Amino acid sequence: MPIPVDSPPIRSALLRDTVHDRLRDLIVDGSLAPGEVVRDTDLAARLGVSRTPVREALLRLGESGLVRAAPGRSTVVAEIDLAEVREAHAVVVAMHRLAVAESVDRLTADDLDRMRAANRRFAAAIADRDTTAALAADDDFHRVAVDVAGNRALATVLDQFSPVVRRLERRRFASHAGTESVGLHDRLVDACASGDAEAAADVAFRTWQNLADLIPDTDTDAGADTDSQEIP
């Protein structure tokens, strides 16, 4: 699927990160589909940038497992590999638990209000079955703790592995009820407001651990190679 021609222009400041984020989002939302060939010249022309930041972005996306490249061969959008999703999910769960544990003592009333507002948007999106809005609100909700924690290593790890999980979550989200997540978000805010770091971290863990239900259990498939099985 081509990149929309009416995409907003990219500012020169932080160009490298902006190009990376734009391409990452196009892969996560399926605009760049699994198996699709991605050429730096085409992407650069569509985004209105030079080939250099696109090449750099593709290298980073390769490190995250979102694209695949081989010497002398085309770069393609990676298929969704269940083994890699499981590995990334385990890391994402641990990092969000840590973010909450480290941020509880520093969360302000404004921070808690931001979380509540994001959860209201999340609940409304769930009711409307708007996957894009729901995932955006969910990101906003959890980003508060990550930002307040101020742990650069933690944020870097999440930046690398969260898109791997989100790709599968987005494709299966609409068929799973999100109402439990709304309640868990409320419990998380309450635990943070009371200053109970342990309880808050446990709720954060449960919230993200629930995503494991979105990962198909291929171990029950006779003869299936679960370490390399992909979802086209």
Protein backbone atom coordinates (compact mmCIF):
# COMPACT_ATOMS: atom_id res chain seq x y z
CA MET A 1 0.00 0.00 0.00
CA PRO A 2 1.51 3.38 -0.95
CA ILE A 3 2.20 6.06 1.63
CA PRO A 4 -0.53 8.73 1.52
CA VAL A 5 0.55 11.56 -0.74
CA ASP A 6 -0.99 14.12 1.61
CA SER A 7 1.24 13.13 4.54
CA PRO A 8 2.28 16.24 6.50
CA PRO A 9 5.75 17.61 5.70
CA ILE A 10 8.64 16.56 7.90
CA ARG A 11 10.59 19.29 9.68
CA SER A 12 14.35 19.27 9.35
CA ALA A 13 14.81 19.23 13.13
CA LEU A 14 15.19 15.69 14.43
CA LEU A 15 14.67 14.49 10.89
CA ARG A 16 16.23 11.11 11.49
CA ASP A 17 13.90 10.28 14.39
CA THR A 18 10.87 11.69 12.61
CA VAL A 19 11.45 9.55 9.53
CA HIS A 20 11.97 6.48 11.70
CA ASP A 21 8.76 7.12 13.65
CA ARG A 22 6.74 7.73 10.47
CA LEU A 23 7.92 4.48 8.87
CA ARG A 24 7.49 2.53 12.11
CA ASP A 25 3.88 3.71 12.42
CA LEU A 26 3.15 2.82 8.78
CA ILE A 27 4.38 -0.71 9.46
CA VAL A 28 2.47 -1.07 12.72
CA ASP A 29 -0.82 0.15 11.22
CA GLY A 30 -0.41 -2.02 8.13
CA SER A 31 0.00 0.77 5.57
CA LEU A 32 3.29 -0.95 4.76
CA ALA A 33 2.17 -4.57 4.70
CA PRO A 34 4.08 -7.70 5.74
CA GLY A 35 6.19 -8.92 2.83
CA GLU A 36 6.05 -5.59 1.01
CA VAL A 37 9.31 -4.45 -0.58
CA VAL A 38 10.48 -1.07 0.75
CA ARG A 39 12.96 0.93 -1.33
CA ASP A 40 14.77 3.89 0.17
CA THR A 41 14.39 5.91 -3.04
CA ASP A 42 10.61 5.46 -3.10
CA LEU A 43 10.22 6.17 0.60
CA ALA A 44 12.44 9.25 0.40
CA ALA A 45 10.40 10.63 -2.49
CA ARG A 46 7.10 10.03 -0.71
CA LEU A 47 8.29 11.58 2.55
CA GLY A 48 10.06 14.48 0.85
CA VAL A 49 13.46 13.78 2.38
CA SER A 50 16.85 12.58 1.20
CA ARG A 51 17.74 8.89 1.14
CA THR A 52 20.14 9.17 4.10
CA PRO A 53 17.56 9.46 6.94
CA VAL A 54 15.46 6.77 5.27
CA ARG A 55 18.41 4.38 5.15
CA GLU A 56 19.18 5.12 8.79
CA ALA A 57 15.54 4.53 9.70
CA LEU A 58 15.48 1.20 7.88
CA LEU A 59 18.58 0.10 9.77
CA ARG A 60 16.88 0.88 13.09
CA LEU A 61 13.70 -0.84 11.97
CA GLY A 62 15.80 -3.87 11.09
CA GLU A 63 17.20 -3.92 14.62
CA SER A 64 13.63 -3.93 15.94
CA GLY A 65 12.68 -6.79 13.63
CA LEU A 66 10.15 -4.76 11.65
CA VAL A 67 12.00 -5.07 8.34
CA ARG A 68 14.28 -7.73 6.91
CA ALA A 69 17.22 -7.19 4.63
CA ALA A 70 19.93 -9.37 3.15
CA PRO A 71 23.09 -8.39 1.20
CA GLY A 72 22.25 -7.84 -2.43
CA ARG A 73 18.53 -8.34 -1.82
CA SER A 74 15.56 -6.04 -1.31
CA THR A 75 14.46 -4.84 2.08
CA VAL A 76 10.97 -6.07 2.96
CA VAL A 77 8.51 -5.49 5.78
CA ALA A 78 8.86 -8.44 8.12
CA GLU A 79 6.08 -10.93 8.63
CA ILE A 80 4.73 -11.16 12.19
CA ASP A 81 6.88 -13.81 13.86
CA LEU A 82 5.17 -15.30 16.90
CA ALA A 83 8.39 -16.23 18.66
CA GLU A 84 9.69 -12.69 18.32
CA VAL A 85 6.37 -11.29 19.52
CA ARG A 86 6.53 -13.46 22.65
CA GLU A 87 10.08 -12.36 23.37
CA ALA A 88 9.28 -8.69 22.82
CA HIS A 89 6.12 -8.96 24.91
CA ALA A 90 8.03 -10.35 27.89
CA VAL A 91 10.43 -7.41 27.72
CA VAL A 92 7.65 -4.82 27.32
CA VAL A 93 5.76 -6.21 30.33
CA ALA A 94 8.84 -6.01 32.54
CA MET A 95 9.74 -2.49 31.42
CA HIS A 96 6.27 -1.07 32.05
CA ARG A 97 6.20 -2.63 35.50
CA LEU A 98 9.56 -1.03 36.22
CA ALA A 99 8.42 2.35 34.85
CA VAL A 100 5.46 2.43 37.24
CA ALA A 101 7.55 1.29 40.21
CA GLU A 102 10.07 4.06 39.56
CA SER A 103 7.53 6.81 38.91
CA VAL A 104 4.90 6.46 41.66
CA ASP A 105 6.69 8.70 44.16
CA ARG A 106 7.15 11.43 41.53
CA LEU A 107 3.72 11.51 39.90
CA THR A 108 1.96 14.84 40.36
CA ALA A 109 -1.74 15.59 40.44
CA ASP A 110 -1.42 16.81 36.84
CA ASP A 111 0.22 13.53 35.84
CA LEU A 112 -2.63 11.54 37.37
CA ASP A 113 -5.15 13.77 35.60
CA ARG A 114 -3.39 13.07 32.30
CA MET A 115 -3.72 9.34 32.96
CA ARG A 116 -7.41 9.65 33.81
CA ALA A 117 -8.07 11.72 30.68
CA ALA A 118 -6.25 9.19 28.50
CA ASN A 119 -8.27 6.36 30.03
CA ARG A 120 -11.52 8.19 29.30
CA ARG A 121 -10.44 8.49 25.66
CA PHE A 122 -9.49 4.83 25.72
CA ALA A 123 -12.90 3.79 27.07
CA ALA A 124 -14.70 5.89 24.47
CA ALA A 125 -12.61 4.38 21.67
CA ILE A 126 -13.33 0.87 22.93
CA ALA A 127 -17.06 1.65 22.92
CA ASP A 128 -16.78 2.96 19.36
CA ARG A 129 -14.59 -0.01 18.30
CA ASP A 130 -12.01 2.49 17.05
CA THR A 131 -8.77 0.52 17.24
CA THR A 132 -6.53 3.38 16.15
CA ALA A 133 -7.90 5.76 18.77
CA ALA A 134 -7.86 3.09 21.47
CA LEU A 135 -4.21 2.22 20.93
CA ALA A 136 -3.25 5.91 20.79
CA ALA A 137 -5.04 6.59 24.08
CA ASP A 138 -3.47 3.50 25.63
CA ASP A 139 -0.04 4.73 24.58
CA ASP A 140 -0.76 8.16 26.09
CA PHE A 141 -1.89 6.55 29.35
CA HIS A 142 1.21 4.42 29.85
CA ARG A 143 3.60 7.07 28.53
CA VAL A 144 2.97 9.18 31.63
CA ALA A 145 4.76 6.73 33.93
CA VAL A 146 7.54 6.16 31.40
CA ASP A 147 8.17 9.90 31.05
CA VAL A 148 8.05 10.56 34.78
CA ALA A 149 10.39 7.65 35.53
CA GLY A 150 13.02 9.37 33.39
CA ASN A 151 14.90 6.11 32.82
CA ARG A 152 16.51 6.50 29.39
CA ALA A 153 17.52 2.85 29.14
CA LEU A 154 13.97 1.76 29.90
CA ALA A 155 12.51 4.17 27.34
CA THR A 156 14.99 3.01 24.69
CA VAL A 157 14.08 -0.64 25.22
CA LEU A 158 10.37 0.14 24.97
CA ASP A 159 10.93 2.19 21.83
CA GLN A 160 12.60 -0.81 20.22
CA PHE A 161 10.27 -3.62 21.25
CA SER A 162 6.81 -2.08 21.73
CA PRO A 163 6.11 -1.83 17.96
CA VAL A 164 6.69 -5.57 17.57
CA VAL A 165 3.92 -6.22 20.09
CA ARG A 166 1.65 -3.48 18.77
CA ARG A 167 1.65 -4.96 15.25
CA LEU A 168 -0.04 -8.12 16.45
CA GLU A 169 -2.15 -6.32 19.04
CA ARG A 170 -3.55 -3.98 16.41
CA ARG A 171 -4.54 -6.82 14.08
CA ARG A 172 -6.35 -8.73 16.82
CA PHE A 173 -7.48 -5.91 19.09
CA ALA A 174 -10.94 -5.45 17.59
CA SER A 175 -11.91 -9.04 18.34
CA HIS A 176 -10.99 -8.81 22.05
CA ALA A 177 -12.87 -6.89 24.70
CA GLY A 178 -10.96 -3.94 26.10
CA THR A 179 -13.29 -3.24 29.00
CA GLU A 180 -11.03 -5.09 31.46
CA SER A 181 -8.16 -2.80 30.50
CA VAL A 182 -10.29 0.26 31.31
CA GLY A 183 -10.86 -1.08 34.82
CA LEU A 184 -7.21 -1.98 35.26
CA HIS A 185 -6.21 1.52 34.20
CA ASP A 186 -8.51 2.93 36.88
CA ARG A 187 -6.96 0.64 39.49
CA LEU A 188 -3.49 1.67 38.38
CA VAL A 189 -4.29 5.37 38.79
CA ASP A 190 -5.80 4.72 42.22
CA ALA A 191 -2.73 2.81 43.37
CA CYS A 192 -0.46 5.56 42.08
CA ALA A 193 -2.56 8.24 43.78
CA SER A 194 -2.26 6.40 47.11
CA GLY A 195 1.51 6.11 46.70
CA ASP A 196 1.47 2.30 46.78
CA ALA A 197 4.32 1.55 44.38
CA GLU A 198 4.13 -2.22 44.81
CA ALA A 199 0.41 -2.41 44.13
CA ALA A 200 0.70 -0.04 41.17
CA ALA A 201 3.54 -2.06 39.66
CA ASP A 202 1.54 -5.26 40.06
CA VAL A 203 -1.47 -3.74 38.27
CA ALA A 204 0.79 -2.48 35.48
CA PHE A 205 2.22 -5.97 35.12
CA ARG A 206 -1.26 -7.51 34.90
CA THR A 207 -2.41 -4.91 32.38
CA TRP A 208 0.41 -5.69 29.98
CA GLN A 209 0.51 -9.41 30.73
CA ASN A 210 -3.09 -9.66 29.49
CA LEU A 211 -1.76 -8.99 25.99
CA ALA A 212 -0.39 -12.52 26.05
CA ASP A 213 -3.94 -13.66 25.22
CA LEU A 214 -3.57 -11.95 21.84
CA ILE A 215 -0.61 -14.14 20.89
CA PRO A 216 -1.87 -17.36 19.26
CA ASP A 217 -0.98 -20.51 21.15
CA THR A 218 0.66 -22.45 18.33
CA ASP A 219 2.14 -25.02 20.69
CA THR A 220 -1.09 -27.00 20.33
CA ASP A 221 -0.71 -27.20 16.55
CA ALA A 222 0.63 -30.63 15.69
CA GLY A 223 3.95 -30.43 13.94
CA ALA A 224 4.07 -26.65 14.08
CA ASP A 225 7.45 -24.98 14.35
CA THR A 226 6.52 -22.43 17.01
CA ASP A 227 9.92 -20.77 16.99
CA SER A 228 9.56 -19.60 13.41
CA GLN A 229 5.82 -19.58 12.69
CA GLU A 230 4.66 -16.35 11.12
CA ILE A 231 1.31 -14.72 10.58
CA PRO A 232 1.04 -13.41 7.01
